[in-house]
PDB file of N, CA and C in Angstrom:
ATOM      1  N   MET A   1    -102.489 -79.740 185.039  1.00  0.00           N
ATOM      2  CA  MET A   1    -103.137 -78.590 184.715  1.00  0.00           C
ATOM      3  C   MET A   1    -103.913 -78.838 183.422  1.00  0.00           C
ATOM      4  N   ARG A   2    -105.053 -78.216 183.291  1.00  0.00           N
ATOM      5  CA  ARG A   2    -105.880 -78.297 182.112  1.00  0.00           C
ATOM      6  C   ARG A   2    -106.204 -76.971 181.598  1.00  0.00           C
ATOM      7  N   LEU A   3    -106.555 -76.874 180.345  1.00  0.00           N
ATOM      8  CA  LEU A   3    -106.926 -75.562 179.639  1.00  0.00           C
ATOM      9  C   LEU A   3    -108.317 -75.689 179.165  1.00  0.00           C
ATOM     10  N   ALA A   4    -109.134 -74.683 179.465  1.00  0.00           N
ATOM     11  CA  ALA A   4    -110.433 -74.539 178.840  1.00  0.00           C
ATOM     12  C   ALA A   4    -110.509 -73.228 178.075  1.00  0.00           C
ATOM     13  N   MET A   5    -111.092 -73.244 176.938  1.00  0.00           N
ATOM     14  CA  MET A   5    -111.223 -72.058 176.063  1.00  0.00           C
ATOM     15  C   MET A   5    -112.688 -71.636 176.108  1.00  0.00           C
ATOM     16  N   VAL A   6    -112.899 -70.345 176.305  1.00  0.00           N
ATOM     17  CA  VAL A   6    -114.266 -69.812 176.281  1.00  0.00           C
ATOM     18  C   VAL A   6    -114.240 -68.625 175.400  1.00  0.00           C
ATOM     19  N   SER A   7    -115.257 -68.502 174.503  1.00  0.00           N
ATOM     20  CA  SER A   7    -115.391 -67.291 173.622  1.00  0.00           C
ATOM     21  C   SER A   7    -116.389 -66.342 174.197  1.00  0.00           C
ATOM     22  N   ILE A   8    -116.095 -65.066 174.076  1.00  0.00           N
ATOM     23  CA  ILE A   8    -116.993 -64.008 174.406  1.00  0.00           C
ATOM     24  C   ILE A   8    -117.412 -63.432 173.083  1.00  0.00           C
ATOM     25  N   VAL A   9    -118.649 -63.507 172.763  1.00  0.00           N
ATOM     26  CA  VAL A   9    -119.155 -63.047 171.463  1.00  0.00           C
ATOM     27  C   VAL A   9    -120.093 -61.884 171.647  1.00  0.00           C
ATOM     28  N   PRO A  10    -119.847 -60.768 170.935  1.00  0.00           N
ATOM     29  CA  PRO A  10    -120.715 -59.599 171.066  1.00  0.00           C
ATOM     30  C   PRO A  10    -122.136 -59.960 170.652  1.00  0.00           C
ATOM     31  N   ASN A  11    -123.004 -59.408 171.407  1.00  0.00           N
ATOM     32  CA  ASN A  11    -124.484 -59.644 171.078  1.00  0.00           C
ATOM     33  C   ASN A  11    -125.140 -58.292 171.456  1.00  0.00           C
ATOM     34  N   GLY A  12    -124.811 -57.290 170.697  1.00  0.00           N
ATOM     35  CA  GLY A  12    -125.285 -55.968 171.000  1.00  0.00           C
ATOM     36  C   GLY A  12    -124.355 -54.921 170.439  1.00  0.00           C
ATOM     37  N   ASP A  13    -124.116 -53.840 171.164  1.00  0.00           N
ATOM     38  CA  ASP A  13    -123.310 -52.753 170.605  1.00  0.00           C
ATOM     39  C   ASP A  13    -121.785 -52.778 171.040  1.00  0.00           C
ATOM     40  N   LEU A  14    -121.318 -53.843 171.631  1.00  0.00           N
ATOM     41  CA  LEU A  14    -119.896 -53.831 171.917  1.00  0.00           C
ATOM     42  C   LEU A  14    -119.101 -53.868 170.652  1.00  0.00           C
ATOM     43  N   ALA A  15    -118.126 -52.966 170.486  1.00  0.00           N
ATOM     44  CA  ALA A  15    -117.241 -52.934 169.309  1.00  0.00           C
ATOM     45  C   ALA A  15    -115.962 -53.655 169.601  1.00  0.00           C
ATOM     46  N   LEU A  16    -115.659 -54.677 168.851  1.00  0.00           N
ATOM     47  CA  LEU A  16    -114.319 -55.323 169.013  1.00  0.00           C
ATOM     48  C   LEU A  16    -113.463 -54.664 167.979  1.00  0.00           C
ATOM     49  N   PRO A  17    -112.123 -54.530 168.156  1.00  0.00           N
ATOM     50  CA  PRO A  17    -111.412 -55.113 169.352  1.00  0.00           C
ATOM     51  C   PRO A  17    -111.439 -54.248 170.548  1.00  0.00           C
ATOM     52  N   VAL A  18    -111.385 -54.829 171.697  1.00  0.00           N
ATOM     53  CA  VAL A  18    -111.186 -54.143 172.973  1.00  0.00           C
ATOM     54  C   VAL A  18    -109.821 -54.422 173.407  1.00  0.00           C
ATOM     55  N   ASN A  19    -109.351 -53.717 174.388  1.00  0.00           N
ATOM     56  CA  ASN A  19    -107.917 -53.875 174.844  1.00  0.00           C
ATOM     57  C   ASN A  19    -107.761 -55.236 175.599  1.00  0.00           C
ATOM     58  N   GLU A  20    -106.838 -56.039 175.110  1.00  0.00           N
ATOM     59  CA  GLU A  20    -106.596 -57.349 175.639  1.00  0.00           C
ATOM     60  C   GLU A  20    -106.177 -57.270 177.178  1.00  0.00           C
ATOM     61  N   ALA A  21    -105.333 -56.387 177.579  1.00  0.00           N
ATOM     62  CA  ALA A  21    -104.874 -56.236 178.928  1.00  0.00           C
ATOM     63  C   ALA A  21    -106.026 -55.853 179.851  1.00  0.00           C
ATOM     64  N   THR A  22    -106.976 -55.062 179.365  1.00  0.00           N
ATOM     65  CA  THR A  22    -108.120 -54.719 180.208  1.00  0.00           C
ATOM     66  C   THR A  22    -109.057 -55.899 180.384  1.00  0.00           C
ATOM     67  N   VAL A  23    -109.276 -56.663 179.385  1.00  0.00           N
ATOM     68  CA  VAL A  23    -110.048 -57.916 179.413  1.00  0.00           C
ATOM     69  C   VAL A  23    -109.415 -58.884 180.392  1.00  0.00           C
ATOM     70  N   LEU A  24    -108.086 -59.007 180.293  1.00  0.00           N
ATOM     71  CA  LEU A  24    -107.324 -59.929 181.226  1.00  0.00           C
ATOM     72  C   LEU A  24    -107.531 -59.500 182.653  1.00  0.00           C
ATOM     73  N   ASP A  25    -107.344 -58.243 182.917  1.00  0.00           N
ATOM     74  CA  ASP A  25    -107.574 -57.749 184.302  1.00  0.00           C
ATOM     75  C   ASP A  25    -108.998 -57.997 184.758  1.00  0.00           C
ATOM     76  N   THR A  26    -109.966 -57.909 183.906  1.00  0.00           N
ATOM     77  CA  THR A  26    -111.341 -58.097 184.225  1.00  0.00           C
ATOM     78  C   THR A  26    -111.634 -59.561 184.585  1.00  0.00           C
ATOM     79  N   ILE A  27    -111.037 -60.448 183.778  1.00  0.00           N
ATOM     80  CA  ILE A  27    -111.134 -61.880 184.100  1.00  0.00           C
ATOM     81  C   ILE A  27    -110.513 -62.243 185.433  1.00  0.00           C
ATOM     82  N   TRP A  28    -109.334 -61.767 185.665  1.00  0.00           N
ATOM     83  CA  TRP A  28    -108.651 -62.003 186.983  1.00  0.00           C
ATOM     84  C   TRP A  28    -109.482 -61.460 188.142  1.00  0.00           C
ATOM     85  N   ALA A  29    -110.131 -60.344 187.956  1.00  0.00           N
ATOM     86  CA  ALA A  29    -110.915 -59.768 188.971  1.00  0.00           C
ATOM     87  C   ALA A  29    -112.139 -60.671 189.398  1.00  0.00           C
ATOM     88  N   ALA A  30    -112.546 -61.539 188.470  1.00  0.00           N
ATOM     89  CA  ALA A  30    -113.687 -62.395 188.714  1.00  0.00           C
ATOM     90  C   ALA A  30    -113.270 -63.809 189.206  1.00  0.00           C
ATOM     91  N   VAL A  31    -111.952 -64.072 189.298  1.00  0.00           N
ATOM     92  CA  VAL A  31    -111.490 -65.341 189.768  1.00  0.00           C
ATOM     93  C   VAL A  31    -111.791 -65.561 191.274  1.00  0.00           C
ATOM     94  N   ARG A  32    -112.280 -66.685 191.632  1.00  0.00           N
ATOM     95  CA  ARG A  32    -112.523 -67.013 193.050  1.00  0.00           C
ATOM     96  C   ARG A  32    -111.486 -68.093 193.469  1.00  0.00           C
ATOM     97  N   PRO A  33    -111.132 -68.098 194.734  1.00  0.00           N
ATOM     98  CA  PRO A  33    -110.137 -69.117 195.154  1.00  0.00           C
ATOM     99  C   PRO A  33    -110.489 -70.568 194.837  1.00  0.00           C
ATOM    100  N   GLU A  34    -111.752 -70.917 194.946  1.00  0.00           N
ATOM    101  CA  GLU A  34    -112.210 -72.250 194.631  1.00  0.00           C
ATOM    102  C   GLU A  34    -112.084 -72.637 193.092  1.00  0.00           C
ATOM    103  N   ASP A  35    -111.899 -71.660 192.267  1.00  0.00           N
ATOM    104  CA  ASP A  35    -111.743 -71.960 190.813  1.00  0.00           C
ATOM    105  C   ASP A  35    -110.446 -72.652 190.526  1.00  0.00           C
ATOM    106  N   ALA A  36    -109.484 -72.485 191.342  1.00  0.00           N
ATOM    107  CA  ALA A  36    -108.106 -73.119 191.205  1.00  0.00           C
ATOM    108  C   ALA A  36    -107.482 -72.698 189.834  1.00  0.00           C
ATOM    109  N   VAL A  37    -107.663 -71.426 189.503  1.00  0.00           N
ATOM    110  CA  VAL A  37    -107.131 -70.892 188.188  1.00  0.00           C
ATOM    111  C   VAL A  37    -105.679 -70.573 188.468  1.00  0.00           C
ATOM    112  N   GLU A  38    -104.827 -71.005 187.549  1.00  0.00           N
ATOM    113  CA  GLU A  38    -103.379 -70.758 187.652  1.00  0.00           C
ATOM    114  C   GLU A  38    -102.932 -69.754 186.657  1.00  0.00           C
ATOM    115  N   HIS A  39    -103.584 -69.694 185.522  1.00  0.00           N
ATOM    116  CA  HIS A  39    -103.099 -68.695 184.458  1.00  0.00           C
ATOM    117  C   HIS A  39    -104.336 -68.376 183.538  1.00  0.00           C
ATOM    118  N   VAL A  40    -104.394 -67.193 182.986  1.00  0.00           N
ATOM    119  CA  VAL A  40    -105.386 -66.835 182.067  1.00  0.00           C
ATOM    120  C   VAL A  40    -104.790 -66.132 180.876  1.00  0.00           C
ATOM    121  N   SER A  41    -105.239 -66.475 179.704  1.00  0.00           N
ATOM    122  CA  SER A  41    -104.795 -65.791 178.468  1.00  0.00           C
ATOM    123  C   SER A  41    -106.042 -65.208 177.755  1.00  0.00           C
ATOM    124  N   VAL A  42    -105.788 -64.073 177.066  1.00  0.00           N
ATOM    125  CA  VAL A  42    -106.829 -63.434 176.327  1.00  0.00           C
ATOM    126  C   VAL A  42    -106.319 -63.106 174.904  1.00  0.00           C
ATOM    127  N   ARG A  43    -107.168 -63.359 173.923  1.00  0.00           N
ATOM    128  CA  ARG A  43    -106.886 -63.018 172.574  1.00  0.00           C
ATOM    129  C   ARG A  43    -108.149 -62.365 172.007  1.00  0.00           C
ATOM    130  N   VAL A  44    -108.019 -61.075 171.558  1.00  0.00           N
ATOM    131  CA  VAL A  44    -109.161 -60.371 170.997  1.00  0.00           C
ATOM    132  C   VAL A  44    -109.058 -60.490 169.486  1.00  0.00           C
ATOM    133  N   LEU A  45    -110.107 -61.073 168.915  1.00  0.00           N
ATOM    134  CA  LEU A  45    -110.171 -61.244 167.433  1.00  0.00           C
ATOM    135  C   LEU A  45    -111.193 -60.294 166.899  1.00  0.00           C
ATOM    136  N   GLN A  46    -111.481 -60.346 165.624  1.00  0.00           N
ATOM    137  CA  GLN A  46    -112.439 -59.416 165.008  1.00  0.00           C
ATOM    138  C   GLN A  46    -113.837 -59.690 165.490  1.00  0.00           C
ATOM    139  N   ARG A  47    -114.177 -60.989 165.687  1.00  0.00           N
ATOM    140  CA  ARG A  47    -115.588 -61.286 165.958  1.00  0.00           C
ATOM    141  C   ARG A  47    -115.785 -61.902 167.339  1.00  0.00           C
ATOM    142  N   GLU A  48    -114.699 -62.119 168.114  1.00  0.00           N
ATOM    143  CA  GLU A  48    -114.887 -62.721 169.464  1.00  0.00           C
ATOM    144  C   GLU A  48    -113.592 -62.448 170.275  1.00  0.00           C
ATOM    145  N   ILE A  49    -113.790 -62.617 171.558  1.00  0.00           N
ATOM    146  CA  ILE A  49    -112.619 -62.586 172.517  1.00  0.00           C
ATOM    147  C   ILE A  49    -112.493 -64.080 172.982  1.00  0.00           C
ATOM    148  N   VAL A  50    -111.304 -64.631 172.786  1.00  0.00           N
ATOM    149  CA  VAL A  50    -111.055 -65.966 173.272  1.00  0.00           C
ATOM    150  C   VAL A  50    -110.234 -65.905 174.567  1.00  0.00           C
ATOM    151  N   VAL A  51    -110.814 -66.523 175.612  1.00  0.00           N
ATOM    152  CA  VAL A  51    -110.227 -66.592 176.866  1.00  0.00           C
ATOM    153  C   VAL A  51    -109.727 -68.001 177.212  1.00  0.00           C
ATOM    154  N   GLY A  52    -108.466 -68.148 177.546  1.00  0.00           N
ATOM    155  CA  GLY A  52    -107.925 -69.439 177.948  1.00  0.00           C
ATOM    156  C   GLY A  52    -107.808 -69.457 179.487  1.00  0.00           C
ATOM    157  N   VAL A  53    -108.392 -70.484 180.056  1.00  0.00           N
ATOM    158  CA  VAL A  53    -108.363 -70.551 181.547  1.00  0.00           C
ATOM    159  C   VAL A  53    -107.592 -71.865 181.827  1.00  0.00           C
ATOM    160  N   PHE A  54    -106.403 -71.678 182.414  1.00  0.00           N
ATOM    161  CA  PHE A  54    -105.570 -72.818 182.860  1.00  0.00           C
ATOM    162  C   PHE A  54    -105.842 -73.017 184.374  1.00  0.00           C
ATOM    163  N   ALA A  55    -106.208 -74.227 184.696  1.00  0.00           N
ATOM    164  CA  ALA A  55    -106.577 -74.499 186.080  1.00  0.00           C
ATOM    165  C   ALA A  55    -106.149 -75.934 186.504  1.00  0.00           C
ATOM    166  N   ALA A  56    -105.911 -75.993 187.872  1.00  0.00           N
ATOM    167  CA  ALA A  56    -105.563 -77.247 188.438  1.00  0.00           C
ATOM    168  C   ALA A  56    -106.807 -78.073 188.741  1.00  0.00           C
ATOM    169  N   VAL A  57    -107.579 -78.367 187.733  1.00  0.00           N
ATOM    170  CA  VAL A  57    -108.871 -79.088 187.919  1.00  0.00           C
ATOM    171  C   VAL A  57    -108.716 -80.343 187.089  1.00  0.00           C
ATOM    172  N   VAL A  58    -108.972 -81.503 187.711  1.00  0.00           N
ATOM    173  CA  VAL A  58    -108.754 -82.832 187.062  1.00  0.00           C
ATOM    174  C   VAL A  58    -109.911 -83.165 186.141  1.00  0.00           C
ATOM    175  N   ASP A  59    -111.161 -82.904 186.530  1.00  0.00           N
ATOM    176  CA  ASP A  59    -112.329 -83.344 185.796  1.00  0.00           C
ATOM    177  C   ASP A  59    -112.608 -82.318 184.677  1.00  0.00           C
ATOM    178  N   ALA A  60    -112.733 -82.818 183.464  1.00  0.00           N
ATOM    179  CA  ALA A  60    -112.952 -81.901 182.325  1.00  0.00           C
ATOM    180  C   ALA A  60    -114.298 -81.169 182.421  1.00  0.00           C
ATOM    181  N   GLU A  61    -115.338 -81.841 182.882  1.00  0.00           N
ATOM    182  CA  GLU A  61    -116.627 -81.165 182.995  1.00  0.00           C
ATOM    183  C   GLU A  61    -116.618 -80.125 184.057  1.00  0.00           C
ATOM    184  N   ARG A  62    -115.931 -80.389 185.149  1.00  0.00           N
ATOM    185  CA  ARG A  62    -115.715 -79.362 186.237  1.00  0.00           C
ATOM    186  C   ARG A  62    -114.994 -78.150 185.677  1.00  0.00           C
ATOM    187  N   LEU A  63    -113.951 -78.382 184.896  1.00  0.00           N
ATOM    188  CA  LEU A  63    -113.236 -77.275 184.311  1.00  0.00           C
ATOM    189  C   LEU A  63    -114.081 -76.458 183.376  1.00  0.00           C
ATOM    190  N   ARG A  64    -114.900 -77.103 182.545  1.00  0.00           N
ATOM    191  CA  ARG A  64    -115.846 -76.364 181.713  1.00  0.00           C
ATOM    192  C   ARG A  64    -116.718 -75.461 182.557  1.00  0.00           C
ATOM    193  N   THR A  65    -117.240 -76.014 183.637  1.00  0.00           N
ATOM    194  CA  THR A  65    -118.119 -75.271 184.539  1.00  0.00           C
ATOM    195  C   THR A  65    -117.403 -74.069 185.142  1.00  0.00           C
ATOM    196  N   VAL A  66    -116.200 -74.283 185.613  1.00  0.00           N
ATOM    197  CA  VAL A  66    -115.348 -73.252 186.213  1.00  0.00           C
ATOM    198  C   VAL A  66    -115.061 -72.144 185.192  1.00  0.00           C
ATOM    199  N   ALA A  67    -114.610 -72.553 184.014  1.00  0.00           N
ATOM    200  CA  ALA A  67    -114.237 -71.562 183.002  1.00  0.00           C
ATOM    201  C   ALA A  67    -115.381 -70.738 182.511  1.00  0.00           C
ATOM    202  N   LEU A  68    -116.486 -71.413 182.269  1.00  0.00           N
ATOM    203  CA  LEU A  68    -117.684 -70.658 181.777  1.00  0.00           C
ATOM    204  C   LEU A  68    -118.258 -69.771 182.882  1.00  0.00           C
ATOM    205  N   GLY A  69    -118.251 -70.268 184.104  1.00  0.00           N
ATOM    206  CA  GLY A  69    -118.745 -69.430 185.190  1.00  0.00           C
ATOM    207  C   GLY A  69    -117.859 -68.220 185.485  1.00  0.00           C
ATOM    208  N   LEU A  70    -116.522 -68.396 185.384  1.00  0.00           N
ATOM    209  CA  LEU A  70    -115.567 -67.314 185.519  1.00  0.00           C
ATOM    210  C   LEU A  70    -115.791 -66.244 184.489  1.00  0.00           C
ATOM    211  N   VAL A  71    -115.904 -66.655 183.187  1.00  0.00           N
ATOM    212  CA  VAL A  71    -116.013 -65.668 182.179  1.00  0.00           C
ATOM    213  C   VAL A  71    -117.415 -65.004 182.211  1.00  0.00           C
ATOM    214  N   THR A  72    -118.409 -65.751 182.589  1.00  0.00           N
ATOM    215  CA  THR A  72    -119.743 -65.157 182.700  1.00  0.00           C
ATOM    216  C   THR A  72    -119.799 -64.135 183.776  1.00  0.00           C
ATOM    217  N   ARG A  73    -119.152 -64.434 184.956  1.00  0.00           N
ATOM    218  CA  ARG A  73    -119.037 -63.431 186.017  1.00  0.00           C
ATOM    219  C   ARG A  73    -118.371 -62.200 185.593  1.00  0.00           C
ATOM    220  N   ALA A  74    -117.209 -62.396 184.868  1.00  0.00           N
ATOM    221  CA  ALA A  74    -116.445 -61.202 184.312  1.00  0.00           C
ATOM    222  C   ALA A  74    -117.320 -60.326 183.402  1.00  0.00           C
ATOM    223  N   CYS A  75    -118.116 -61.000 182.584  1.00  0.00           N
ATOM    224  CA  CYS A  75    -118.978 -60.246 181.612  1.00  0.00           C
ATOM    225  C   CYS A  75    -120.055 -59.529 182.437  1.00  0.00           C
ATOM    226  N   GLU A  76    -120.593 -60.088 183.472  1.00  0.00           N
ATOM    227  CA  GLU A  76    -121.705 -59.495 184.244  1.00  0.00           C
ATOM    228  C   GLU A  76    -121.153 -58.313 185.041  1.00  0.00           C
ATOM    229  N   MET A  77    -119.893 -58.381 185.544  1.00  0.00           N
ATOM    230  CA  MET A  77    -119.421 -57.309 186.409  1.00  0.00           C
ATOM    231  C   MET A  77    -118.700 -56.188 185.751  1.00  0.00           C
ATOM    232  N   SER A  78    -118.414 -56.359 184.514  1.00  0.00           N
ATOM    233  CA  SER A  78    -117.558 -55.359 183.801  1.00  0.00           C
ATOM    234  C   SER A  78    -118.370 -54.441 182.883  1.00  0.00           C
ATOM    235  N   PRO A  79    -118.269 -53.128 183.081  1.00  0.00           N
ATOM    236  CA  PRO A  79    -118.891 -52.236 182.130  1.00  0.00           C
ATOM    237  C   PRO A  79    -118.364 -52.418 180.681  1.00  0.00           C
ATOM    238  N   LEU A  80    -117.090 -52.823 180.557  1.00  0.00           N
ATOM    239  CA  LEU A  80    -116.558 -53.044 179.191  1.00  0.00           C
ATOM    240  C   LEU A  80    -117.219 -54.221 178.536  1.00  0.00           C
ATOM    241  N   LEU A  81    -117.442 -55.311 179.278  1.00  0.00           N
ATOM    242  CA  LEU A  81    -117.903 -56.534 178.657  1.00  0.00           C
ATOM    243  C   LEU A  81    -119.427 -56.688 178.899  1.00  0.00           C
ATOM    244  N   HIS A  82    -120.059 -55.931 179.666  1.00  0.00           N
ATOM    245  CA  HIS A  82    -121.469 -56.108 180.068  1.00  0.00           C
ATOM    246  C   HIS A  82    -122.337 -55.547 178.946  1.00  0.00           C
ATOM    247  N   GLY A  83    -123.540 -55.956 178.903  1.00  0.00           N
ATOM    248  CA  GLY A  83    -124.505 -55.372 177.935  1.00  0.00           C
ATOM    249  C   GLY A  83    -124.540 -56.171 176.675  1.00  0.00           C
ATOM    250  N   GLY A  84    -125.010 -57.389 176.707  1.00  0.00           N
ATOM    251  CA  GLY A  84    -125.203 -58.108 175.431  1.00  0.00           C
ATOM    252  C   GLY A  84    -124.089 -59.026 175.048  1.00  0.00           C
ATOM    253  N   ILE A  85    -123.258 -59.372 176.011  1.00  0.00           N
ATOM    254  CA  ILE A  85    -122.159 -60.323 175.707  1.00  0.00           C
ATOM    255  C   ILE A  85    -122.624 -61.722 176.051  1.00  0.00           C
ATOM    256  N   VAL A  86    -122.410 -62.659 175.116  1.00  0.00           N
ATOM    257  CA  VAL A  86    -122.742 -64.056 175.267  1.00  0.00           C
ATOM    258  C   VAL A  86    -121.469 -64.843 175.421  1.00  0.00           C
ATOM    259  N   CYS A  87    -121.352 -65.628 176.450  1.00  0.00           N
ATOM    260  CA  CYS A  87    -120.119 -66.461 176.680  1.00  0.00           C
ATOM    261  C   CYS A  87    -120.453 -67.905 176.160  1.00  0.00           C
ATOM    262  N   ARG A  88    -119.505 -68.426 175.450  1.00  0.00           N
ATOM    263  CA  ARG A  88    -119.752 -69.739 174.804  1.00  0.00           C
ATOM    264  C   ARG A  88    -118.562 -70.651 175.117  1.00  0.00           C
ATOM    265  N   ASP A  89    -118.805 -71.821 175.585  1.00  0.00           N
ATOM    266  CA  ASP A  89    -117.769 -72.862 175.838  1.00  0.00           C
ATOM    267  C   ASP A  89    -117.155 -73.333 174.538  1.00  0.00           C
ATOM    268  N   ARG A  90    -115.844 -73.424 174.442  1.00  0.00           N
ATOM    269  CA  ARG A  90    -115.191 -73.878 173.231  1.00  0.00           C
ATOM    270  C   ARG A  90    -114.644 -75.326 173.411  1.00  0.00           C
ATOM    271  N   SER A  91    -113.686 -75.496 174.345  1.00  0.00           N
ATOM    272  CA  SER A  91    -113.024 -76.828 174.404  1.00  0.00           C
ATOM    273  C   SER A  91    -112.266 -76.890 175.703  1.00  0.00           C
ATOM    274  N   VAL A  92    -111.910 -78.140 176.047  1.00  0.00           N
ATOM    275  CA  VAL A  92    -111.084 -78.398 177.225  1.00  0.00           C
ATOM    276  C   VAL A  92    -109.968 -79.299 176.704  1.00  0.00           C
ATOM    277  N   ALA A  93    -108.745 -79.014 177.131  1.00  0.00           N
ATOM    278  CA  ALA A  93    -107.566 -79.856 176.695  1.00  0.00           C
ATOM    279  C   ALA A  93    -106.733 -80.185 177.863  1.00  0.00           C
ATOM    280  N   ASN A  94    -106.051 -81.324 177.840  1.00  0.00           N
ATOM    281  CA  ASN A  94    -105.099 -81.704 178.884  1.00  0.00           C
ATOM    282  C   ASN A  94    -103.752 -81.087 178.489  1.00  0.00           C
ATOM    283  N   LEU A  95    -103.095 -80.581 179.505  1.00  0.00           N
ATOM    284  CA  LEU A  95    -101.735 -80.055 179.271  1.00  0.00           C
ATOM    285  C   LEU A  95    -100.775 -80.901 180.082  1.00  0.00           C
ATOM    286  N   ILE A  96     -99.707 -81.351 179.406  1.00  0.00           N
ATOM    287  CA  ILE A  96     -98.717 -82.100 180.084  1.00  0.00           C
ATOM    288  C   ILE A  96     -97.581 -81.183 180.315  1.00  0.00           C
ATOM    289  N   LEU A  97     -97.315 -80.855 181.632  1.00  0.00           N
ATOM    290  CA  LEU A  97     -96.259 -79.941 181.967  1.00  0.00           C
ATOM    291  C   LEU A  97     -95.240 -80.598 182.834  1.00  0.00           C
TER     292      LEU A  97
END
């Protein structure tokens, strides 16, 4: 399993912090079966929302694509996150479990 971190940065009138549980539900609603997502974490900070996407994806570049696509879909479909939110790729790490 690998972990990709994606930041959601306000670019407009979204006021942070927003409710972490609501953001988590929004991310899960955007997951597709082909994403192979196993776990999602959300941390709302003062200037960004950090989303951790844990997936059974071997290739780091593929995981970056999956994580960024997932968070972008969530931003586009959610009234809470929509409207000037920019998603930015942070990093990918190997997890040994």
